[in-house]
Amino acid sequence: MSVSDLHRRILDAVDAGFDAQLATTRDFVAIPSTRGAEGPCQDMIADLLRQRGYEVDDWHIEVDDLKDLRGFGPIEHDFSKARTVVGTHRPANNQGRSLILQGHCDVVPAGPLEMWATPPFSPVVKDGRMYGRGACDMKSGTIGALYALDAIKAAGLTPTGRIHFQSVIEEESTGVGALSTLQRGYRADCCFIPEPTDGKMVRSQVGVIWFRLKVRGFPVHVFEAGSGSNAITAAYHLIHALEKLEEDWNKRAVSDPHFKSVVHPINFNPGIIKGGDWASSVPAWCDVDCRIAVLPGWSVADHQAEILACVAAAARDHRFLSNNPPQVEWSGFLSEGYELTNSAEPEAAFGKAYDAVYGGATPDLVFTALTDTRFYGLNYDIPSLCFGASGAAMHGFNEYVDLESLRQSTKATALFIAEWCGVEPA
């Protein structure tokens, strides 16, 4: 069979299976798999893998097994139901190169439901888009990778390399789901993660630090507010200081070979604020959960120290905090940035797939968010590609994935698997 005939059979199989792919994607998006509630999604993935004849490994994640590994982020919520699911294809003659295909099933909270045009967990297909929380980030990509494998089988072929199809959790908060697969012992010659990248290959991505400011005040009745100290307004004093730190870090980013072309790649975000007990009492406490980025090659520990120094300096300039310093807690991501390196062979294989589907060379993306690729590249020197469909409003209202872009990215994924792992008649 010629290469062009092989490509055509696989591409036609993706088209033939696309309606079924969308139906499965709708079912997957309909599961409200926010942090701590990912179990039903993992059940669904395990069932889909078993139905297809894959060897399934479904295990509970033990935090104590991971806490000393590079890239671990602290877990604060109930983790008793946390699981990872891996389905493995083991070829009869292991002649091809091995591959990890990974997607995360956790999604961020939907926010106020009345601000969605349609319910976030009742996915709707309209005007060539599928709307729903997680439709773009990244449930459509996970199901797309599964149906890419289906297309190879429907074309009468089977991969000649070992493939691990991994469904993980915690991608949006710590990354320990991906870390658990490595701790479990799963390895491959390459990793491919179909996050929504607008049809571009992630070349370099930021790391992320999550931290919590715990600010204390002095409560009094509001009629004598001047004799107390307001923890909420004191927290704003610290936030303004951290915004100046953000400015300093962005000045450093100008010298980065990839991020120098990006305007403001370091983003600081005070994302959750809780404080006070009574509208007529000066608040005695305020907690602010924050996120800030770091660039590839930047030490997480060094930048944690800078955060602590910034908060301490701001507290010294405050009437109350100077004698009652705030606390800083590390509350999630402690993640390094990742730059794709040592990846000539998988990139060449993907380049052939991209050219066959889209035409031309694969465009690069310098990403101001992070993905799980970092664990494979940094911890085990496994080249880790990230490429996927187009969409919008990830982490926002009315999130959607563009369906034609999903069809195209599924085709590119299928051709990449065939090129990288090799195929033979089933």
Protein backbone atom coordinates (compact mmCIF):
# COMPACT_ATOMS: atom_id res chain seq x y z
CA MET A 1 0.00 0.00 0.00
CA SER A 2 1.39 3.41 -0.95
CA VAL A 3 1.71 6.18 1.61
CA SER A 4 -0.97 8.22 -0.14
CA ASP A 5 -3.37 5.25 -0.14
CA LEU A 6 -2.69 4.62 3.55
CA HIS A 7 -3.31 8.28 4.35
CA ARG A 8 -6.53 8.33 2.34
CA ARG A 9 -7.91 5.25 4.10
CA ILE A 10 -7.20 6.72 7.53
CA LEU A 11 -8.56 10.17 6.65
CA ASP A 12 -11.73 8.66 5.17
CA ALA A 13 -12.15 6.59 8.34
CA VAL A 14 -11.97 9.73 10.50
CA ASP A 15 -14.72 11.30 8.39
CA ALA A 16 -16.85 8.14 8.56
CA GLY A 17 -16.57 8.02 12.34
CA PHE A 18 -16.92 11.73 13.04
CA ASP A 19 -20.63 11.70 13.95
CA ALA A 20 -19.97 8.92 16.47
CA GLN A 21 -16.97 10.89 17.75
CA LEU A 22 -19.16 13.93 18.38
CA ALA A 23 -21.80 11.85 20.14
CA THR A 24 -19.16 10.42 22.48
CA THR A 25 -17.72 13.88 23.02
CA ARG A 26 -21.17 15.20 23.99
CA ASP A 27 -21.57 12.41 26.53
CA PHE A 28 -18.13 13.15 27.96
CA VAL A 29 -18.70 16.92 28.20
CA ALA A 30 -22.05 16.31 29.93
CA ILE A 31 -20.25 14.90 32.99
CA PRO A 32 -19.52 17.74 35.48
CA SER A 33 -15.97 16.61 36.28
CA THR A 34 -14.80 19.51 38.42
CA ARG A 35 -11.98 19.00 40.90
CA GLY A 36 -12.68 16.02 43.14
CA ALA A 37 -15.62 14.83 41.01
CA GLU A 38 -13.77 13.29 38.07
CA GLY A 39 -14.75 9.67 38.86
CA PRO A 40 -17.63 9.29 36.39
CA CYS A 41 -15.44 10.59 33.57
CA GLN A 42 -12.76 8.07 34.46
CA ASP A 43 -15.43 5.34 34.51
CA MET A 44 -16.52 6.36 31.03
CA ILE A 45 -12.98 6.35 29.65
CA ALA A 46 -12.24 2.97 31.22
CA ASP A 47 -15.40 1.54 29.65
CA LEU A 48 -14.55 2.99 26.22
CA LEU A 49 -11.06 1.47 26.40
CA ARG A 50 -12.32 -1.95 27.50
CA GLN A 51 -14.91 -1.98 24.73
CA ARG A 52 -12.07 -1.50 22.25
CA GLY A 53 -9.99 -4.31 23.69
CA TYR A 54 -7.28 -2.27 25.39
CA GLU A 55 -5.55 -3.52 28.53
CA VAL A 56 -6.88 -1.17 31.23
CA ASP A 57 -5.05 -0.04 34.36
CA ASP A 58 -7.31 1.94 36.72
CA TRP A 59 -5.79 2.91 40.06
CA HIS A 60 -6.18 5.21 43.05
CA ILE A 61 -3.55 7.94 43.29
CA GLU A 62 -1.54 7.92 46.52
CA VAL A 63 -0.22 11.40 47.25
CA ASP A 64 2.54 10.04 49.48
CA ASP A 65 3.99 8.23 46.45
CA LEU A 66 4.28 11.51 44.54
CA LYS A 67 5.16 14.23 47.04
CA ASP A 68 8.93 13.97 46.56
CA LEU A 69 8.84 13.91 42.74
CA ARG A 70 9.87 16.84 40.56
CA GLY A 71 6.91 19.09 39.77
CA PHE A 72 4.62 17.93 42.58
CA GLY A 73 2.05 20.48 43.72
CA PRO A 74 0.36 20.28 47.14
CA ILE A 75 -3.14 18.78 47.38
CA GLU A 76 -5.57 20.48 49.77
CA HIS A 77 -8.93 18.86 48.98
CA ASP A 78 -10.34 15.38 49.61
CA PHE A 79 -8.27 13.12 47.35
CA SER A 80 -9.81 9.80 48.43
CA LYS A 81 -11.51 9.25 45.04
CA ALA A 82 -8.63 10.37 42.82
CA ARG A 83 -7.86 7.91 40.00
CA THR A 84 -5.82 7.57 36.84
CA VAL A 85 -6.88 5.39 33.91
CA VAL A 86 -4.47 4.02 31.27
CA GLY A 87 -5.42 1.82 28.34
CA THR A 88 -2.56 0.05 26.59
CA HIS A 89 -2.25 -1.33 23.06
CA ARG A 90 0.48 -3.97 22.94
CA PRO A 91 1.34 -4.96 19.38
CA ALA A 92 2.05 -8.56 18.46
CA ASN A 93 5.51 -7.62 17.14
CA ASN A 94 6.73 -4.54 18.91
CA GLN A 95 8.54 -3.08 15.89
CA GLY A 96 7.39 0.55 15.97
CA ARG A 97 8.12 3.41 18.32
CA SER A 98 6.04 3.73 21.48
CA LEU A 99 3.67 6.60 22.25
CA ILE A 100 1.76 8.13 25.15
CA LEU A 101 -1.54 9.77 24.19
CA GLN A 102 -2.84 11.80 27.12
CA GLY A 103 -5.83 13.94 27.96
CA HIS A 104 -7.15 15.39 31.20
CA CYS A 105 -10.78 15.02 32.19
CA ASP A 106 -10.88 17.61 34.98
CA VAL A 107 -12.55 20.94 34.20
CA VAL A 108 -12.64 24.29 35.97
CA PRO A 109 -15.84 25.46 37.71
CA ALA A 110 -18.55 26.87 35.45
CA GLY A 111 -19.22 30.00 37.51
CA PRO A 112 -22.70 31.59 37.73
CA LEU A 113 -24.96 29.44 35.56
CA GLU A 114 -27.17 32.35 34.57
CA MET A 115 -24.22 33.86 32.72
CA TRP A 116 -24.11 30.95 30.26
CA ALA A 117 -26.23 31.08 27.11
CA THR A 118 -26.81 27.31 27.48
CA PRO A 119 -26.20 25.09 30.52
CA PRO A 120 -22.47 24.29 30.77
CA PHE A 121 -22.97 20.55 31.25
CA SER A 122 -25.71 20.16 28.64
CA PRO A 123 -23.52 20.40 25.53
CA VAL A 124 -25.08 22.03 22.49
CA VAL A 125 -23.95 21.82 18.85
CA LYS A 126 -24.72 25.02 16.97
CA ASP A 127 -23.19 26.84 13.99
CA GLY A 128 -20.33 24.37 13.68
CA ARG A 129 -19.39 24.54 17.35
CA MET A 130 -19.93 22.42 20.44
CA TYR A 131 -20.61 24.49 23.54
CA GLY A 132 -20.04 23.28 27.10
CA ARG A 133 -17.57 23.37 29.96
CA GLY A 134 -14.61 21.27 28.90
CA ALA A 135 -15.75 20.98 25.27
CA CYS A 136 -12.58 22.82 24.25
CA ASP A 137 -10.33 22.29 27.28
CA MET A 138 -9.89 19.44 26.64
CA LYS A 139 -12.50 16.70 26.43
CA SER A 140 -12.92 16.98 22.66
CA GLY A 141 -9.19 16.42 22.23
CA THR A 142 -9.16 13.35 24.47
CA ILE A 143 -12.05 11.74 22.59
CA GLY A 144 -10.48 12.86 19.31
CA ALA A 145 -7.31 10.90 20.14
CA LEU A 146 -9.40 7.82 20.93
CA TYR A 147 -11.25 8.11 17.61
CA ALA A 148 -7.95 8.66 15.81
CA LEU A 149 -6.99 5.18 17.02
CA ASP A 150 -10.42 3.93 15.93
CA ALA A 151 -9.82 5.34 12.45
CA ILE A 152 -6.57 3.40 12.10
CA LYS A 153 -8.42 0.22 13.02
CA ALA A 154 -11.33 1.04 10.68
CA ALA A 155 -8.80 1.47 7.89
CA GLY A 156 -7.80 -2.17 8.39
CA LEU A 157 -4.55 -1.34 10.16
CA THR A 158 -2.99 -1.78 13.58
CA PRO A 159 -0.10 0.18 15.17
CA THR A 160 3.18 -1.69 15.46
CA GLY A 161 4.34 0.34 18.47
CA ARG A 162 3.11 0.21 22.07
CA ILE A 163 0.55 2.91 22.88
CA HIS A 164 -0.60 4.11 26.30
CA PHE A 165 -3.86 6.06 26.21
CA GLN A 166 -3.89 8.02 29.48
CA SER A 167 -6.79 9.87 31.11
CA VAL A 168 -5.59 12.02 34.01
CA ILE A 169 -6.96 14.49 36.54
CA GLU A 170 -5.56 17.56 38.32
CA GLU A 171 -4.19 19.14 35.14
CA GLU A 172 -5.94 22.39 36.03
CA SER A 173 -4.49 22.64 39.54
CA THR A 174 -1.38 20.55 40.29
CA GLY A 175 -0.59 18.09 37.50
CA VAL A 176 -0.30 15.15 39.88
CA GLY A 177 -2.49 13.02 37.60
CA ALA A 178 0.16 13.05 34.88
CA LEU A 179 2.87 12.68 37.51
CA SER A 180 1.12 9.55 38.79
CA THR A 181 1.49 7.83 35.40
CA LEU A 182 5.25 8.34 35.53
CA GLN A 183 5.41 7.17 39.14
CA ARG A 184 3.45 4.09 38.03
CA GLY A 185 6.16 3.37 35.47
CA TYR A 186 4.59 4.32 32.14
CA ARG A 187 7.15 5.46 29.58
CA ALA A 188 7.29 5.87 25.81
CA ASP A 189 9.49 7.24 23.05
CA CYS A 190 7.17 10.24 22.69
CA CYS A 191 4.17 11.85 24.36
CA PHE A 192 1.36 13.60 22.47
CA ILE A 193 -1.24 15.74 24.25
CA PRO A 194 -4.17 17.06 22.12
CA GLU A 195 -4.87 20.27 24.05
CA PRO A 196 -6.68 23.00 22.07
CA THR A 197 -3.81 24.93 20.44
CA ASP A 198 -5.59 26.41 17.40
CA GLY A 199 -3.78 24.04 15.06
CA LYS A 200 -0.29 25.01 16.27
CA MET A 201 2.51 23.11 17.98
CA VAL A 202 3.42 24.34 21.46
CA ARG A 203 7.09 25.28 21.29
CA SER A 204 7.51 26.80 24.74
CA GLN A 205 5.16 27.17 27.71
CA VAL A 206 5.15 28.87 31.08
CA GLY A 207 5.23 27.24 34.47
CA VAL A 208 2.82 28.31 37.21
CA ILE A 209 2.96 28.96 40.96
CA TRP A 210 -0.20 28.99 43.06
CA PHE A 211 -0.12 30.62 46.48
CA ARG A 212 -2.48 31.93 49.13
CA LEU A 213 -2.15 35.16 51.07
CA LYS A 214 -3.51 34.80 54.60
CA VAL A 215 -4.03 38.28 55.97
CA ARG A 216 -5.22 39.06 59.47
CA GLY A 217 -6.69 42.32 60.76
CA PHE A 218 -8.07 43.70 64.02
CA PRO A 219 -11.87 43.58 64.30
CA VAL A 220 -13.92 46.40 65.80
CA HIS A 221 -17.44 47.74 65.26
CA VAL A 222 -17.48 49.76 62.07
CA PHE A 223 -18.49 52.94 63.95
CA GLU A 224 -14.93 53.04 65.31
CA ALA A 225 -13.24 51.60 62.22
CA GLY A 226 -10.18 53.80 62.64
CA SER A 227 -9.17 51.92 65.77
CA GLY A 228 -9.19 48.56 63.98
CA SER A 229 -7.42 47.17 60.93
CA ASN A 230 -9.31 45.94 57.84
CA ALA A 231 -7.84 42.65 56.58
CA ILE A 232 -9.53 43.00 53.18
CA THR A 233 -8.04 46.40 52.40
CA ALA A 234 -4.70 45.19 53.75
CA ALA A 235 -4.87 42.31 51.27
CA TYR A 236 -5.27 44.83 48.45
CA HIS A 237 -2.08 46.50 49.62
CA LEU A 238 -0.26 43.19 49.10
CA ILE A 239 -1.93 42.60 45.73
CA HIS A 240 -0.66 45.96 44.46
CA ALA A 241 2.87 45.01 45.54
CA LEU A 242 2.61 41.71 43.68
CA GLU A 243 1.45 43.54 40.56
CA LYS A 244 4.77 45.42 40.67
CA LEU A 245 6.57 42.08 40.97
CA GLU A 246 4.67 40.95 37.89
CA GLU A 247 6.00 44.02 36.04
CA ASP A 248 9.57 43.16 37.06
CA TRP A 249 9.24 39.57 35.88
CA ASN A 250 7.84 40.69 32.53
CA LYS A 251 10.90 42.92 32.05
CA ARG A 252 13.07 39.83 32.51
CA ALA A 253 10.99 37.94 29.96
CA VAL A 254 12.19 40.31 27.23
CA SER A 255 15.47 38.37 27.09
CA ASP A 256 13.81 34.94 26.68
CA PRO A 257 14.39 33.50 23.18
CA HIS A 258 10.73 32.46 22.76
CA PHE A 259 8.75 34.77 25.01
CA LYS A 260 10.48 37.99 23.96
CA SER A 261 7.98 38.16 21.09
CA VAL A 262 4.99 37.89 23.46
CA VAL A 263 3.50 40.99 25.05
CA HIS A 264 3.17 40.50 28.83
CA PRO A 265 3.75 36.71 29.07
CA ILE A 266 3.87 36.72 32.89
CA ASN A 267 0.36 37.08 34.27
CA PHE A 268 -0.44 37.46 37.96
CA ASN A 269 -4.01 36.78 38.99
CA PRO A 270 -5.67 37.12 42.40
CA GLY A 271 -8.30 34.49 41.58
CA ILE A 272 -10.24 33.80 44.80
CA ILE A 273 -10.89 36.14 47.72
CA LYS A 274 -12.63 35.27 50.98
CA GLY A 275 -12.81 37.42 54.07
CA GLY A 276 -14.75 38.92 56.90
CA ASP A 277 -17.73 37.73 58.89
CA TRP A 278 -20.10 40.70 59.19
CA ALA A 279 -20.80 43.81 57.12
CA SER A 280 -20.75 46.02 60.23
CA SER A 281 -17.53 44.58 61.62
CA VAL A 282 -14.06 45.51 60.42
CA PRO A 283 -12.89 42.18 58.92
CA ALA A 284 -10.37 40.23 60.95
CA TRP A 285 -9.28 37.94 58.10
CA CYS A 286 -8.89 37.75 54.36
CA ASP A 287 -7.53 34.89 52.23
CA VAL A 288 -6.55 35.50 48.59
CA ASP A 289 -5.65 32.64 46.25
CA CYS A 290 -3.23 33.77 43.54
CA ARG A 291 -1.56 32.51 40.37
CA ILE A 292 1.58 33.78 38.69
CA ALA A 293 3.63 32.38 35.79
CA VAL A 294 7.33 31.62 35.44
CA LEU A 295 9.26 31.04 32.21
CA PRO A 296 11.19 27.93 31.11
CA GLY A 297 14.52 27.72 32.90
CA TRP A 298 13.35 29.86 35.82
CA SER A 299 13.76 28.21 39.20
CA VAL A 300 10.46 27.70 40.99
CA ALA A 301 12.18 27.80 44.39
CA ASP A 302 13.96 31.09 43.58
CA HIS A 303 10.71 32.69 42.45
CA GLN A 304 8.87 31.43 45.51
CA ALA A 305 11.52 33.23 47.53
CA GLU A 306 10.89 36.42 45.52
CA ILE A 307 7.17 36.17 46.24
CA LEU A 308 7.87 35.82 49.97
CA ALA A 309 10.27 38.77 49.89
CA CYS A 310 7.76 40.92 48.00
CA VAL A 311 4.97 40.18 50.49
CA ALA A 312 7.27 40.77 53.46
CA ALA A 313 8.48 44.11 52.08
CA ALA A 314 4.91 45.26 51.42
CA ALA A 315 3.87 44.23 54.93
CA ARG A 316 6.68 46.33 56.46
CA ASP A 317 5.18 49.40 54.74
CA HIS A 318 1.74 48.83 56.27
CA ARG A 319 0.65 50.23 59.63
CA PHE A 320 -0.90 46.99 60.93
CA LEU A 321 0.83 44.29 58.86
CA SER A 322 4.28 45.52 59.88
CA ASN A 323 3.64 44.05 63.32
CA ASN A 324 1.25 41.31 62.16
CA PRO A 325 2.85 39.86 59.03
CA PRO A 326 0.71 37.87 56.60
CA GLN A 327 1.34 34.23 55.81
CA VAL A 328 1.95 32.76 52.36
CA GLU A 329 0.84 29.18 51.66
CA TRP A 330 1.65 27.18 48.52
CA SER A 331 -1.76 25.99 47.36
CA GLY A 332 -1.37 24.09 44.08
CA PHE A 333 0.88 24.38 41.03
CA LEU A 334 4.62 24.54 41.67
CA SER A 335 5.40 23.96 38.02
CA GLU A 336 8.39 24.71 35.85
CA GLY A 337 8.07 26.02 32.33
CA TYR A 338 8.87 23.66 29.47
CA GLU A 339 10.58 24.17 26.14
CA LEU A 340 10.26 21.45 23.51
CA THR A 341 13.75 20.03 22.92
CA ASN A 342 15.36 16.82 21.60
CA SER A 343 12.25 16.33 19.49
CA ALA A 344 13.49 16.27 15.89
CA GLU A 345 12.17 12.79 15.13
CA PRO A 346 8.62 13.15 16.53
CA GLU A 347 8.34 16.64 15.08
CA ALA A 348 9.37 15.31 11.67
CA ALA A 349 6.75 12.58 11.95
CA PHE A 350 4.09 15.06 12.98
CA GLY A 351 5.21 17.44 10.23
CA LYS A 352 4.33 14.82 7.61
CA ALA A 353 0.92 14.34 9.19
CA TYR A 354 0.30 18.07 9.40
CA ASP A 355 1.28 18.64 5.78
CA ALA A 356 -1.03 15.84 4.60
CA VAL A 357 -4.02 17.40 6.40
CA TYR A 358 -3.41 21.14 6.46
CA GLY A 359 -0.65 21.67 3.89
CA GLY A 360 2.67 23.34 4.70
CA ALA A 361 4.79 23.44 7.82
CA THR A 362 3.42 23.17 11.34
CA PRO A 363 3.12 26.65 12.92
CA ASP A 364 4.62 27.17 16.39
CA LEU A 365 2.88 28.46 19.50
CA VAL A 366 4.54 30.18 22.47
CA PHE A 367 2.02 29.38 25.21
CA THR A 368 1.31 31.62 28.20
CA ALA A 369 -0.50 28.77 29.96
CA LEU A 370 0.88 25.35 30.91
CA THR A 371 0.20 21.73 29.97
CA ASP A 372 1.16 18.32 31.32
CA THR A 373 3.89 18.00 28.67
CA ARG A 374 6.38 19.37 31.19
CA PHE A 375 6.48 16.18 33.28
CA TYR A 376 7.50 13.98 30.36
CA GLY A 377 10.08 16.38 28.96
CA LEU A 378 11.62 17.62 32.21
CA ASN A 379 11.41 14.51 34.38
CA TYR A 380 12.28 11.81 31.85
CA ASP A 381 13.48 13.57 28.70
CA ILE A 382 10.52 12.20 26.72
CA PRO A 383 9.81 14.64 23.87
CA SER A 384 6.27 15.84 24.44
CA LEU A 385 4.19 17.37 21.66
CA CYS A 386 1.06 19.41 22.24
CA PHE A 387 -1.29 20.13 19.33
CA GLY A 388 -5.04 20.34 18.92
CA ALA A 389 -8.19 22.03 17.73
CA SER A 390 -9.48 25.60 17.87
CA GLY A 391 -12.03 27.03 20.23
CA ALA A 392 -12.64 29.82 22.70
CA ALA A 393 -13.72 30.82 26.20
CA MET A 394 -11.68 28.21 28.03
CA HIS A 395 -12.22 28.93 31.76
CA GLY A 396 -14.89 31.45 30.68
CA PHE A 397 -18.58 31.49 29.81
CA ASN A 398 -19.91 29.72 26.68
CA GLU A 399 -16.76 27.68 26.08
CA TYR A 400 -16.77 25.97 22.70
CA VAL A 401 -14.68 23.90 20.30
CA ASP A 402 -14.80 24.48 16.56
CA LEU A 403 -15.93 21.19 15.02
CA GLU A 404 -14.21 21.47 11.65
CA SER A 405 -10.92 22.20 13.42
CA LEU A 406 -11.59 19.16 15.61
CA ARG A 407 -12.08 17.00 12.52
CA GLN A 408 -8.79 18.27 11.10
CA SER A 409 -6.82 17.80 14.33
CA THR A 410 -8.23 14.26 14.70
CA LYS A 411 -6.99 13.49 11.18
CA ALA A 412 -3.53 14.90 11.96
CA THR A 413 -3.41 12.89 15.19
CA ALA A 414 -4.34 9.67 13.39
CA LEU A 415 -1.71 10.17 10.68
CA PHE A 416 0.91 11.03 13.30
CA ILE A 417 0.18 7.82 15.22
CA ALA A 418 0.51 5.83 12.00
CA GLU A 419 3.75 7.57 11.08
CA TRP A 420 5.33 7.44 14.53
CA CYS A 421 4.29 4.00 15.70
CA GLY A 422 4.13 2.35 12.30
CA VAL A 423 1.14 0.32 11.09
CA GLU A 424 0.55 -3.06 9.50
CA PRO A 425 -2.55 -4.82 8.19
CA ALA A 426 -4.78 -5.86 11.09
